[in-house]
Amino acid sequence: MLRSDFNSKNVAEFWCSLTQAYPRLVKKATVALIPSATSYLCESGLSALFGIKRKQRNRLDVRDDMRVALSKTIPQFQVLVEKKQQQPSH
């Protein structure tokens, strides 16, 4: 029965449904599953940082570049460029 529940539900729903029946098992499972998600975010951040530093070694402040690299929102660079005022001629 648990195998069919595991196959029909996603991981979070499956373990949440077992909290009443198997609280110690659920606690051990969450301890094992949660660090992988946390380390994934850290690894993706480090990967983005290394990629930025390889391309532009002379830049000391990478905060803005990291914000764009790690954001889930896709930046609309074309809109930003169109709003930027061109340098007027003298």
PDB file of N, CA and C in Angstrom:
ATOM      1  N   MET A   1       0.825  -1.194   0.000  1.00  0.00           N
ATOM      2  CA  MET A   1       0.000   0.000   0.000  1.00  0.00           C
ATOM      3  C   MET A   1       0.876   1.268   0.000  1.00  0.00           C
ATOM      4  N   LEU A   2       1.943   1.249   0.806  1.00  0.00           N
ATOM      5  CA  LEU A   2       2.836   2.410   0.838  1.00  0.00           C
ATOM      6  C   LEU A   2       3.555   2.591  -0.490  1.00  0.00           C
ATOM      7  N   ARG A   3       3.888   1.488  -1.148  1.00  0.00           N
ATOM      8  CA  ARG A   3       4.561   1.580  -2.440  1.00  0.00           C
ATOM      9  C   ARG A   3       3.657   2.248  -3.471  1.00  0.00           C
ATOM     10  N   SER A   4       2.383   1.938  -3.475  1.00  0.00           N
ATOM     11  CA  SER A   4       1.466   2.582  -4.425  1.00  0.00           C
ATOM     12  C   SER A   4       1.287   4.056  -4.089  1.00  0.00           C
ATOM     13  N   ASP A   5       1.261   4.393  -2.779  1.00  0.00           N
ATOM     14  CA  ASP A   5       1.198   5.813  -2.387  1.00  0.00           C
ATOM     15  C   ASP A   5       2.450   6.557  -2.838  1.00  0.00           C
ATOM     16  N   PHE A   6       3.604   5.916  -2.680  1.00  0.00           N
ATOM     17  CA  PHE A   6       4.864   6.532  -3.071  1.00  0.00           C
ATOM     18  C   PHE A   6       4.908   6.782  -4.582  1.00  0.00           C
ATOM     19  N   ASN A   7       4.381   5.839  -5.347  1.00  0.00           N
ATOM     20  CA  ASN A   7       4.378   5.986  -6.805  1.00  0.00           C
ATOM     21  C   ASN A   7       3.351   6.993  -7.302  1.00  0.00           C
ATOM     22  N   SER A   8       2.268   7.192  -6.543  1.00  0.00           N
ATOM     23  CA  SER A   8       1.205   8.090  -7.013  1.00  0.00           C
ATOM     24  C   SER A   8       1.363   9.535  -6.522  1.00  0.00           C
ATOM     25  N   LYS A   9       2.103   9.743  -5.440  1.00  0.00           N
ATOM     26  CA  LYS A   9       2.254  11.100  -4.882  1.00  0.00           C
ATOM     27  C   LYS A   9       3.672  11.602  -5.112  1.00  0.00           C
ATOM     28  N   ASN A  10       3.838  12.946  -4.985  1.00  0.00           N
ATOM     29  CA  ASN A  10       5.210  13.447  -5.011  1.00  0.00           C
ATOM     30  C   ASN A  10       5.841  13.209  -3.643  1.00  0.00           C
ATOM     31  N   VAL A  11       7.125  13.446  -3.533  1.00  0.00           N
ATOM     32  CA  VAL A  11       7.873  13.089  -2.320  1.00  0.00           C
ATOM     33  C   VAL A  11       7.338  13.813  -1.088  1.00  0.00           C
ATOM     34  N   ALA A  12       7.059  15.099  -1.214  1.00  0.00           N
ATOM     35  CA  ALA A  12       6.580  15.879  -0.060  1.00  0.00           C
ATOM     36  C   ALA A  12       5.217  15.382   0.412  1.00  0.00           C
ATOM     37  N   GLU A  13       4.309  15.142  -0.511  1.00  0.00           N
ATOM     38  CA  GLU A  13       2.983  14.642  -0.127  1.00  0.00           C
ATOM     39  C   GLU A  13       3.077  13.271   0.528  1.00  0.00           C
ATOM     40  N   PHE A  14       3.937  12.419  -0.005  1.00  0.00           N
ATOM     41  CA  PHE A  14       4.087  11.071   0.546  1.00  0.00           C
ATOM     42  C   PHE A  14       4.544  11.123   1.999  1.00  0.00           C
ATOM     43  N   TRP A  15       5.613  11.884   2.279  1.00  0.00           N
ATOM     44  CA  TRP A  15       6.128  11.911   3.644  1.00  0.00           C
ATOM     45  C   TRP A  15       5.191  12.655   4.591  1.00  0.00           C
ATOM     46  N   CYS A  16       4.495  13.654   4.106  1.00  0.00           N
ATOM     47  CA  CYS A  16       3.521  14.359   4.965  1.00  0.00           C
ATOM     48  C   CYS A  16       2.357  13.453   5.345  1.00  0.00           C
ATOM     49  N   SER A  17       1.990  12.537   4.463  1.00  0.00           N
ATOM     50  CA  SER A  17       0.882  11.633   4.775  1.00  0.00           C
ATOM     51  C   SER A  17       1.274  10.594   5.827  1.00  0.00           C
ATOM     52  N   LEU A  18       2.552  10.412   6.071  1.00  0.00           N
ATOM     53  CA  LEU A  18       3.008   9.405   7.034  1.00  0.00           C
ATOM     54  C   LEU A  18       3.379   9.979   8.400  1.00  0.00           C
ATOM     55  N   THR A  19       3.209  11.272   8.611  1.00  0.00           N
ATOM     56  CA  THR A  19       3.660  11.876   9.877  1.00  0.00           C
ATOM     57  C   THR A  19       2.940  11.312  11.098  1.00  0.00           C
ATOM     58  N   GLN A  20       1.676  10.969  10.982  1.00  0.00           N
ATOM     59  CA  GLN A  20       0.936  10.421  12.127  1.00  0.00           C
ATOM     60  C   GLN A  20       1.324   8.971  12.411  1.00  0.00           C
ATOM     61  N   ALA A  21       1.481   8.176  11.375  1.00  0.00           N
ATOM     62  CA  ALA A  21       1.746   6.751  11.556  1.00  0.00           C
ATOM     63  C   ALA A  21       3.216   6.464  11.884  1.00  0.00           C
ATOM     64  N   TYR A  22       4.137   7.170  11.258  1.00  0.00           N
ATOM     65  CA  TYR A  22       5.571   6.895  11.417  1.00  0.00           C
ATOM     66  C   TYR A  22       6.348   8.199  11.666  1.00  0.00           C
ATOM     67  N   PRO A  23       6.163   8.832  12.828  1.00  0.00           N
ATOM     68  CA  PRO A  23       6.805  10.138  13.056  1.00  0.00           C
ATOM     69  C   PRO A  23       8.342  10.071  13.071  1.00  0.00           C
ATOM     70  N   ARG A  24       8.925   9.023  13.655  1.00  0.00           N
ATOM     71  CA  ARG A  24      10.390   8.929  13.704  1.00  0.00           C
ATOM     72  C   ARG A  24      10.981   8.678  12.322  1.00  0.00           C
ATOM     73  N   LEU A  25      10.321   7.865  11.531  1.00  0.00           N
ATOM     74  CA  LEU A  25      10.785   7.591  10.176  1.00  0.00           C
ATOM     75  C   LEU A  25      10.704   8.845   9.305  1.00  0.00           C
ATOM     76  N   VAL A  26       9.620   9.598   9.457  1.00  0.00           N
ATOM     77  CA  VAL A  26       9.453  10.837   8.691  1.00  0.00           C
ATOM     78  C   VAL A  26      10.521  11.847   9.077  1.00  0.00           C
ATOM     79  N   LYS A  27      10.846  11.922  10.356  1.00  0.00           N
ATOM     80  CA  LYS A  27      11.879  12.850  10.803  1.00  0.00           C
ATOM     81  C   LYS A  27      13.230  12.490  10.197  1.00  0.00           C
ATOM     82  N   LYS A  28      13.569  11.208  10.184  1.00  0.00           N
ATOM     83  CA  LYS A  28      14.839  10.774   9.583  1.00  0.00           C
ATOM     84  C   LYS A  28      14.850  11.024   8.083  1.00  0.00           C
ATOM     85  N   ALA A  29      13.719  10.815   7.432  1.00  0.00           N
ATOM     86  CA  ALA A  29      13.650  11.038   5.985  1.00  0.00           C
ATOM     87  C   ALA A  29      13.816  12.512   5.644  1.00  0.00           C
ATOM     88  N   THR A  30      13.191  13.394   6.411  1.00  0.00           N
ATOM     89  CA  THR A  30      13.321  14.826   6.126  1.00  0.00           C
ATOM     90  C   THR A  30      14.745  15.307   6.379  1.00  0.00           C
ATOM     91  N   VAL A  31      15.398  14.759   7.389  1.00  0.00           N
ATOM     92  CA  VAL A  31      16.795  15.130   7.644  1.00  0.00           C
ATOM     93  C   VAL A  31      17.666  14.699   6.465  1.00  0.00           C
ATOM     94  N   ALA A  32      17.355  13.549   5.884  1.00  0.00           N
ATOM     95  CA  ALA A  32      18.146  13.054   4.751  1.00  0.00           C
ATOM     96  C   ALA A  32      17.823  13.802   3.469  1.00  0.00           C
ATOM     97  N   LEU A  33      16.578  14.239   3.284  1.00  0.00           N
ATOM     98  CA  LEU A  33      16.172  14.864   2.027  1.00  0.00           C
ATOM     99  C   LEU A  33      16.439  16.362   1.970  1.00  0.00           C
ATOM    100  N   ILE A  34      16.322  17.063   3.069  1.00  0.00           N
ATOM    101  CA  ILE A  34      16.434  18.524   3.062  1.00  0.00           C
ATOM    102  C   ILE A  34      17.852  19.025   2.757  1.00  0.00           C
ATOM    103  N   PRO A  35      18.918  18.451   3.277  1.00  0.00           N
ATOM    104  CA  PRO A  35      20.247  18.981   2.941  1.00  0.00           C
ATOM    105  C   PRO A  35      20.576  18.953   1.456  1.00  0.00           C
ATOM    106  N   SER A  36      20.029  18.012   0.715  1.00  0.00           N
ATOM    107  CA  SER A  36      20.335  17.975  -0.710  1.00  0.00           C
ATOM    108  C   SER A  36      19.781  19.205  -1.415  1.00  0.00           C
ATOM    109  N   ALA A  37      18.612  19.659  -1.032  1.00  0.00           N
ATOM    110  CA  ALA A  37      18.057  20.869  -1.634  1.00  0.00           C
ATOM    111  C   ALA A  37      18.880  22.095  -1.247  1.00  0.00           C
ATOM    112  N   THR A  38      19.312  22.161  -0.004  1.00  0.00           N
ATOM    113  CA  THR A  38      20.103  23.288   0.462  1.00  0.00           C
ATOM    114  C   THR A  38      21.466  23.317  -0.209  1.00  0.00           C
ATOM    115  N   SER A  39      22.108  22.184  -0.345  1.00  0.00           N
ATOM    116  CA  SER A  39      23.427  22.164  -0.972  1.00  0.00           C
ATOM    117  C   SER A  39      23.322  22.471  -2.462  1.00  0.00           C
ATOM    118  N   TYR A  40      22.192  22.130  -3.085  1.00  0.00           N
ATOM    119  CA  TYR A  40      22.003  22.439  -4.501  1.00  0.00           C
ATOM    120  C   TYR A  40      22.034  23.942  -4.728  1.00  0.00           C
ATOM    121  N   LEU A  41      21.346  24.702  -3.872  1.00  0.00           N
ATOM    122  CA  LEU A  41      21.329  26.155  -4.027  1.00  0.00           C
ATOM    123  C   LEU A  41      22.717  26.748  -3.819  1.00  0.00           C
ATOM    124  N   CYS A  42      23.439  26.226  -2.862  1.00  0.00           N
ATOM    125  CA  CYS A  42      24.799  26.710  -2.603  1.00  0.00           C
ATOM    126  C   CYS A  42      25.710  26.402  -3.790  1.00  0.00           C
ATOM    127  N   GLU A  43      25.598  25.190  -4.319  1.00  0.00           N
ATOM    128  CA  GLU A  43      26.441  24.808  -5.444  1.00  0.00           C
ATOM    129  C   GLU A  43      26.121  25.625  -6.692  1.00  0.00           C
ATOM    130  N   SER A  44      24.850  25.924  -6.920  1.00  0.00           N
ATOM    131  CA  SER A  44      24.503  26.728  -8.095  1.00  0.00           C
ATOM    132  C   SER A  44      25.007  28.158  -7.936  1.00  0.00           C
ATOM    133  N   GLY A  45      24.988  28.679  -6.714  1.00  0.00           N
ATOM    134  CA  GLY A  45      25.535  30.011  -6.476  1.00  0.00           C
ATOM    135  C   GLY A  45      27.028  30.065  -6.699  1.00  0.00           C
ATOM    136  N   LEU A  46      27.747  29.055  -6.216  1.00  0.00           N
ATOM    137  CA  LEU A  46      29.192  29.014  -6.430  1.00  0.00           C
ATOM    138  C   LEU A  46      29.531  28.843  -7.907  1.00  0.00           C
ATOM    139  N   SER A  47      28.753  28.048  -8.597  1.00  0.00           N
ATOM    140  CA  SER A  47      28.986  27.859 -10.025  1.00  0.00           C
ATOM    141  C   SER A  47      28.805  29.171 -10.784  1.00  0.00           C
ATOM    142  N   ALA A  48      27.759  29.923 -10.436  1.00  0.00           N
ATOM    143  CA  ALA A  48      27.535  31.222 -11.076  1.00  0.00           C
ATOM    144  C   ALA A  48      28.673  32.188 -10.758  1.00  0.00           C
ATOM    145  N   LEU A  49      29.131  32.190  -9.515  1.00  0.00           N
ATOM    146  CA  LEU A  49      30.235  33.072  -9.122  1.00  0.00           C
ATOM    147  C   LEU A  49      31.506  32.738  -9.892  1.00  0.00           C
ATOM    148  N   PHE A  50      31.826  31.457 -10.022  1.00  0.00           N
ATOM    149  CA  PHE A  50      33.025  31.067 -10.754  1.00  0.00           C
ATOM    150  C   PHE A  50      32.917  31.436 -12.225  1.00  0.00           C
ATOM    151  N   GLY A  51      31.728  31.297 -12.794  1.00  0.00           N
ATOM    152  CA  GLY A  51      31.535  31.678 -14.186  1.00  0.00           C
ATOM    153  C   GLY A  51      31.717  33.170 -14.401  1.00  0.00           C
ATOM    154  N   ILE A  52      31.235  33.972 -13.490  1.00  0.00           N
ATOM    155  CA  ILE A  52      31.376  35.432 -13.597  1.00  0.00           C
ATOM    156  C   ILE A  52      32.840  35.825 -13.413  1.00  0.00           C
ATOM    157  N   LYS A  53      33.491  35.231 -12.451  1.00  0.00           N
ATOM    158  CA  LYS A  53      34.887  35.579 -12.193  1.00  0.00           C
ATOM    159  C   LYS A  53      35.795  35.156 -13.344  1.00  0.00           C
ATOM    160  N   ARG A  54      35.466  34.086 -14.046  1.00  0.00           N
ATOM    161  CA  ARG A  54      36.285  33.683 -15.183  1.00  0.00           C
ATOM    162  C   ARG A  54      36.146  34.660 -16.336  1.00  0.00           C
ATOM    163  N   LYS A  55      34.924  35.159 -16.562  1.00  0.00           N
ATOM    164  CA  LYS A  55      34.674  36.059 -17.685  1.00  0.00           C
ATOM    165  C   LYS A  55      35.223  37.455 -17.419  1.00  0.00           C
ATOM    166  N   GLN A  56      35.074  37.932 -16.200  1.00  0.00           N
ATOM    167  CA  GLN A  56      35.442  39.308 -15.879  1.00  0.00           C
ATOM    168  C   GLN A  56      36.314  39.297 -14.631  1.00  0.00           C
ATOM    169  N   ARG A  57      37.551  38.951 -14.766  1.00  0.00           N
ATOM    170  CA  ARG A  57      38.425  38.814 -13.608  1.00  0.00           C
ATOM    171  C   ARG A  57      38.717  40.131 -12.903  1.00  0.00           C
ATOM    172  N   ASN A  58      38.703  41.230 -13.624  1.00  0.00           N
ATOM    173  CA  ASN A  58      39.098  42.496 -13.029  1.00  0.00           C
ATOM    174  C   ASN A  58      37.990  43.150 -12.210  1.00  0.00           C
ATOM    175  N   ARG A  59      36.775  42.637 -12.239  1.00  0.00           N
ATOM    176  CA  ARG A  59      35.692  43.241 -11.458  1.00  0.00           C
ATOM    177  C   ARG A  59      35.762  42.764 -10.027  1.00  0.00           C
ATOM    178  N   LEU A  60      35.775  43.697  -9.103  1.00  0.00           N
ATOM    179  CA  LEU A  60      35.870  43.337  -7.694  1.00  0.00           C
ATOM    180  C   LEU A  60      34.503  43.098  -7.067  1.00  0.00           C
ATOM    181  N   ASP A  61      33.485  43.819  -7.509  1.00  0.00           N
ATOM    182  CA  ASP A  61      32.158  43.719  -6.912  1.00  0.00           C
ATOM    183  C   ASP A  61      31.243  42.946  -7.849  1.00  0.00           C
ATOM    184  N   VAL A  62      30.835  41.748  -7.455  1.00  0.00           N
ATOM    185  CA  VAL A  62      30.006  40.907  -8.322  1.00  0.00           C
ATOM    186  C   VAL A  62      28.567  40.805  -7.820  1.00  0.00           C
ATOM    187  N   ARG A  63      28.176  41.669  -6.890  1.00  0.00           N
ATOM    188  CA  ARG A  63      26.829  41.567  -6.318  1.00  0.00           C
ATOM    189  C   ARG A  63      25.737  41.678  -7.362  1.00  0.00           C
ATOM    190  N   ASP A  64      25.826  42.675  -8.238  1.00  0.00           N
ATOM    191  CA  ASP A  64      24.778  42.852  -9.244  1.00  0.00           C
ATOM    192  C   ASP A  64      24.760  41.701 -10.239  1.00  0.00           C
ATOM    193  N   ASP A  65      25.937  41.235 -10.640  1.00  0.00           N
ATOM    194  CA  ASP A  65      26.011  40.111 -11.562  1.00  0.00           C
ATOM    195  C   ASP A  65      25.445  38.840 -10.928  1.00  0.00           C
ATOM    196  N   MET A  66      25.730  38.629  -9.659  1.00  0.00           N
ATOM    197  CA  MET A  66      25.204  37.455  -8.961  1.00  0.00           C
ATOM    198  C   MET A  66      23.688  37.535  -8.829  1.00  0.00           C
ATOM    199  N   ARG A  67      23.172  38.731  -8.592  1.00  0.00           N
ATOM    200  CA  ARG A  67      21.719  38.896  -8.465  1.00  0.00           C
ATOM    201  C   ARG A  67      21.031  38.490  -9.757  1.00  0.00           C
ATOM    202  N   VAL A  68      21.592  38.882 -10.888  1.00  0.00           N
ATOM    203  CA  VAL A  68      21.007  38.516 -12.178  1.00  0.00           C
ATOM    204  C   VAL A  68      21.178  37.018 -12.428  1.00  0.00           C
ATOM    205  N   ALA A  69      22.338  36.475 -12.095  1.00  0.00           N
ATOM    206  CA  ALA A  69      22.608  35.061 -12.363  1.00  0.00           C
ATOM    207  C   ALA A  69      21.742  34.130 -11.523  1.00  0.00           C
ATOM    208  N   LEU A  70      21.444  34.504 -10.285  1.00  0.00           N
ATOM    209  CA  LEU A  70      20.702  33.618  -9.386  1.00  0.00           C
ATOM    210  C   LEU A  70      19.208  33.889  -9.352  1.00  0.00           C
ATOM    211  N   SER A  71      18.766  34.955  -9.979  1.00  0.00           N
ATOM    212  CA  SER A  71      17.351  35.290  -9.970  1.00  0.00           C
ATOM    213  C   SER A  71      16.562  34.330 -10.849  1.00  0.00           C
ATOM    214  N   LYS A  72      15.363  33.997 -10.420  1.00  0.00           N
ATOM    215  CA  LYS A  72      14.493  33.146 -11.229  1.00  0.00           C
ATOM    216  C   LYS A  72      13.748  33.968 -12.272  1.00  0.00           C
ATOM    217  N   THR A  73      13.742  35.278 -12.094  1.00  0.00           N
ATOM    218  CA  THR A  73      13.113  36.172 -13.055  1.00  0.00           C
ATOM    219  C   THR A  73      14.070  36.390 -14.217  1.00  0.00           C
ATOM    220  N   ILE A  74      13.573  36.254 -15.422  1.00  0.00           N
ATOM    221  CA  ILE A  74      14.402  36.457 -16.599  1.00  0.00           C
ATOM    222  C   ILE A  74      14.474  37.959 -16.875  1.00  0.00           C
ATOM    223  N   PRO A  75      15.676  38.536 -16.853  1.00  0.00           N
ATOM    224  CA  PRO A  75      15.790  39.979 -17.073  1.00  0.00           C
ATOM    225  C   PRO A  75      15.448  40.346 -18.514  1.00  0.00           C
ATOM    226  N   GLN A  76      14.796  41.475 -18.671  1.00  0.00           N
ATOM    227  CA  GLN A  76      14.423  41.969 -19.997  1.00  0.00           C
ATOM    228  C   GLN A  76      15.443  43.032 -20.400  1.00  0.00           C
ATOM    229  N   PHE A  77      16.580  42.578 -20.869  1.00  0.00           N
ATOM    230  CA  PHE A  77      17.671  43.489 -21.199  1.00  0.00           C
ATOM    231  C   PHE A  77      17.289  44.447 -22.323  1.00  0.00           C
ATOM    232  N   GLN A  78      16.510  43.997 -23.281  1.00  0.00           N
ATOM    233  CA  GLN A  78      16.127  44.852 -24.402  1.00  0.00           C
ATOM    234  C   GLN A  78      15.310  46.049 -23.915  1.00  0.00           C
ATOM    235  N   VAL A  79      14.392  45.832 -22.975  1.00  0.00           N
ATOM    236  CA  VAL A  79      13.586  46.926 -22.424  1.00  0.00           C
ATOM    237  C   VAL A  79      14.475  47.900 -21.662  1.00  0.00           C
ATOM    238  N   LEU A  80      15.425  47.375 -20.903  1.00  0.00           N
ATOM    239  CA  LEU A  80      16.328  48.241 -20.147  1.00  0.00           C
ATOM    240  C   LEU A  80      17.211  49.072 -21.068  1.00  0.00           C
ATOM    241  N   VAL A  81      17.680  48.484 -22.145  1.00  0.00           N
ATOM    242  CA  VAL A  81      18.521  49.211 -23.092  1.00  0.00           C
ATOM    243  C   VAL A  81      17.721  50.299 -23.800  1.00  0.00           C
ATOM    244  N   GLU A  82      16.470  50.008 -24.137  1.00  0.00           N
ATOM    245  CA  GLU A  82      15.644  51.007 -24.822  1.00  0.00           C
ATOM    246  C   GLU A  82      15.334  52.196 -23.924  1.00  0.00           C
ATOM    247  N   LYS A  83      15.210  51.970 -22.613  1.00  0.00           N
ATOM    248  CA  LYS A  83      14.913  53.064 -21.684  1.00  0.00           C
ATOM    249  C   LYS A  83      16.142  53.907 -21.362  1.00  0.00           C
ATOM    250  N   LYS A  84      17.322  53.363 -21.623  1.00  0.00           N
ATOM    251  CA  LYS A  84      18.560  54.080 -21.330  1.00  0.00           C
ATOM    252  C   LYS A  84      18.753  55.205 -22.343  1.00  0.00           C
ATOM    253  N   GLN A  85      19.064  56.397 -21.864  1.00  0.00           N
ATOM    254  CA  GLN A  85      19.240  57.546 -22.750  1.00  0.00           C
ATOM    255  C   GLN A  85      20.617  57.469 -23.404  1.00  0.00           C
ATOM    256  N   GLN A  86      20.643  57.676 -24.680  1.00  0.00           N
ATOM    257  CA  GLN A  86      21.904  57.694 -25.425  1.00  0.00           C
ATOM    258  C   GLN A  86      22.689  58.941 -25.050  1.00  0.00           C
ATOM    259  N   GLN A  87      23.983  58.899 -25.200  1.00  0.00           N
ATOM    260  CA  GLN A  87      24.801  60.057 -24.888  1.00  0.00           C
ATOM    261  C   GLN A  87      24.560  61.117 -25.956  1.00  0.00           C
ATOM    262  N   PRO A  88      24.125  62.328 -25.544  1.00  0.00           N
ATOM    263  CA  PRO A  88      23.851  63.371 -26.535  1.00  0.00           C
ATOM    264  C   PRO A  88      25.145  63.890 -27.157  1.00  0.00           C
ATOM    265  N   SER A  89      25.040  64.331 -28.399  1.00  0.00           N
ATOM    266  CA  SER A  89      26.225  64.901 -29.050  1.00  0.00           C
ATOM    267  C   SER A  89      26.479  66.309 -28.504  1.00  0.00           C
ATOM    268  N   HIS A  90      27.699  66.757 -28.590  1.00  0.00           N
ATOM    269  CA  HIS A  90      28.078  68.060 -28.023  1.00  0.00           C
ATOM    270  C   HIS A  90      27.726  69.170 -28.927  1.00  0.00           C
TER     271      HIS A  90
END
